[in-house]
């Protein structure tokens, strides 16, 4: 496990302490949870960008047209 030291304004640190306390967890656990959320969002963005780079725009437009046709039939 790694120890990480971060610098931030006192008011922000105090708000994080209050948030952690309201959740009955340590500030360390709060930062770990927030980091997990940020990394999950980043991973999803990277996966989307990789898939978008490999995408076939013509095929995608064809699929959207088919969906429009199905919705119009309902």
C-alpha atoms as a PDB file:
ATOM      1  CA  UNK A   1       0.000   0.000   0.000  1.00  0.00           C
ATOM      2  CA  UNK A   2       1.188   3.520  -0.791  1.00  0.00           C
ATOM      3  CA  UNK A   3       0.992   6.615   1.368  1.00  0.00           C
ATOM      4  CA  UNK A   4      -0.065   9.732  -0.513  1.00  0.00           C
ATOM      5  CA  UNK A   5       0.272  13.260   0.834  1.00  0.00           C
ATOM      6  CA  UNK A   6      -1.886  15.919  -0.776  1.00  0.00           C
ATOM      7  CA  UNK A   7      -2.093  19.658  -0.257  1.00  0.00           C
ATOM      8  CA  UNK A   8      -5.410  21.466  -0.310  1.00  0.00           C
ATOM      9  CA  UNK A   9      -6.990  24.549   1.194  1.00  0.00           C
ATOM     10  CA  UNK A  10      -7.986  24.186   4.839  1.00  0.00           C
ATOM     11  CA  UNK A  11     -11.649  24.864   4.107  1.00  0.00           C
ATOM     12  CA  UNK A  12     -11.786  22.025   1.596  1.00  0.00           C
ATOM     13  CA  UNK A  13     -10.020  19.658   3.996  1.00  0.00           C
ATOM     14  CA  UNK A  14     -12.494  20.592   6.725  1.00  0.00           C
ATOM     15  CA  UNK A  15     -15.435  19.948   4.410  1.00  0.00           C
ATOM     16  CA  UNK A  16     -14.001  16.539   3.489  1.00  0.00           C
ATOM     17  CA  UNK A  17     -13.622  15.731   7.192  1.00  0.00           C
ATOM     18  CA  UNK A  18     -17.252  16.723   7.774  1.00  0.00           C
ATOM     19  CA  UNK A  19     -18.393  14.613   4.821  1.00  0.00           C
ATOM     20  CA  UNK A  20     -16.456  11.594   6.070  1.00  0.00           C
ATOM     21  CA  UNK A  21     -17.867  12.063   9.552  1.00  0.00           C
ATOM     22  CA  UNK A  22     -21.424  12.279   8.193  1.00  0.00           C
ATOM     23  CA  UNK A  23     -20.840   8.921   6.473  1.00  0.00           C
ATOM     24  CA  UNK A  24     -19.207   7.433   9.572  1.00  0.00           C
ATOM     25  CA  UNK A  25     -15.989   6.672   7.719  1.00  0.00           C
ATOM     26  CA  UNK A  26     -12.444   7.975   7.903  1.00  0.00           C
ATOM     27  CA  UNK A  27     -11.158  10.671   5.585  1.00  0.00           C
ATOM     28  CA  UNK A  28      -8.787   8.035   4.206  1.00  0.00           C
ATOM     29  CA  UNK A  29     -11.729   5.757   3.317  1.00  0.00           C
ATOM     30  CA  UNK A  30     -13.632   8.695   1.809  1.00  0.00           C
ATOM     31  CA  UNK A  31     -10.700   9.615  -0.441  1.00  0.00           C
ATOM     32  CA  UNK A  32     -10.335   5.966  -1.438  1.00  0.00           C
ATOM     33  CA  UNK A  33     -14.029   5.782  -2.383  1.00  0.00           C
ATOM     34  CA  UNK A  34     -13.913   9.070  -4.309  1.00  0.00           C
ATOM     35  CA  UNK A  35     -10.790   7.879  -6.140  1.00  0.00           C
ATOM     36  CA  UNK A  36     -12.548   4.661  -7.119  1.00  0.00           C
ATOM     37  CA  UNK A  37     -15.438   6.657  -8.573  1.00  0.00           C
ATOM     38  CA  UNK A  38     -13.094   8.935 -10.533  1.00  0.00           C
ATOM     39  CA  UNK A  39     -11.102   5.985 -11.898  1.00  0.00           C
ATOM     40  CA  UNK A  40     -14.277   4.126 -12.890  1.00  0.00           C
ATOM     41  CA  UNK A  41     -15.489   7.184 -14.811  1.00  0.00           C
ATOM     42  CA  UNK A  42     -12.087   7.548 -16.478  1.00  0.00           C
ATOM     43  CA  UNK A  43     -12.008   3.868 -17.479  1.00  0.00           C
ATOM     44  CA  UNK A  44     -15.503   4.152 -18.986  1.00  0.00           C
ATOM     45  CA  UNK A  45     -14.458   7.232 -20.959  1.00  0.00           C
ATOM     46  CA  UNK A  46     -11.355   5.492 -22.296  1.00  0.00           C
ATOM     47  CA  UNK A  47     -13.373   2.412 -23.309  1.00  0.00           C
ATOM     48  CA  UNK A  48     -15.913   4.630 -25.082  1.00  0.00           C
ATOM     49  CA  UNK A  49     -13.204   6.550 -26.928  1.00  0.00           C
ATOM     50  CA  UNK A  50     -11.500   3.332 -28.056  1.00  0.00           C
ATOM     51  CA  UNK A  51     -14.796   1.916 -29.317  1.00  0.00           C
ATOM     52  CA  UNK A  52     -15.713   5.202 -31.000  1.00  0.00           C
ATOM     53  CA  UNK A  53     -12.361   5.253 -32.800  1.00  0.00           C
ATOM     54  CA  UNK A  54     -13.069   1.771 -34.203  1.00  0.00           C
ATOM     55  CA  UNK A  55     -16.686   2.536 -35.072  1.00  0.00           C
ATOM     56  CA  UNK A  56     -18.206   2.519 -38.507  1.00  0.00           C
ATOM     57  CA  UNK A  57     -20.316   5.677 -38.851  1.00  0.00           C
ATOM     58  CA  UNK A  58     -22.318   4.335 -41.791  1.00  0.00           C
ATOM     59  CA  UNK A  59     -23.258   1.194 -39.876  1.00  0.00           C
ATOM     60  CA  UNK A  60     -24.228   3.282 -36.848  1.00  0.00           C
ATOM     61  CA  UNK A  61     -26.492   5.519 -38.914  1.00  0.00           C
ATOM     62  CA  UNK A  62     -28.114   2.455 -40.466  1.00  0.00           C
ATOM     63  CA  UNK A  63     -28.865   1.081 -36.988  1.00  0.00           C
ATOM     64  CA  UNK A  64     -30.361   4.416 -35.917  1.00  0.00           C
ATOM     65  CA  UNK A  65     -32.580   4.423 -39.015  1.00  0.00           C
ATOM     66  CA  UNK A  66     -33.765   0.912 -38.132  1.00  0.00           C
ATOM     67  CA  UNK A  67     -34.608   2.064 -34.603  1.00  0.00           C
ATOM     68  CA  UNK A  68     -36.577   4.995 -35.985  1.00  0.00           C
ATOM     69  CA  UNK A  69     -38.521   2.591 -38.167  1.00  0.00           C
ATOM     70  CA  UNK A  70     -39.273   0.308 -35.183  1.00  0.00           C
ATOM     71  CA  UNK A  71     -40.390   3.240 -33.008  1.00  0.00           C
ATOM     72  CA  UNK A  72     -42.644   4.563 -35.764  1.00  0.00           C
ATOM     73  CA  UNK A  73     -44.298   1.125 -36.041  1.00  0.00           C
ATOM     74  CA  UNK A  74     -45.189   1.102 -32.306  1.00  0.00           C
END
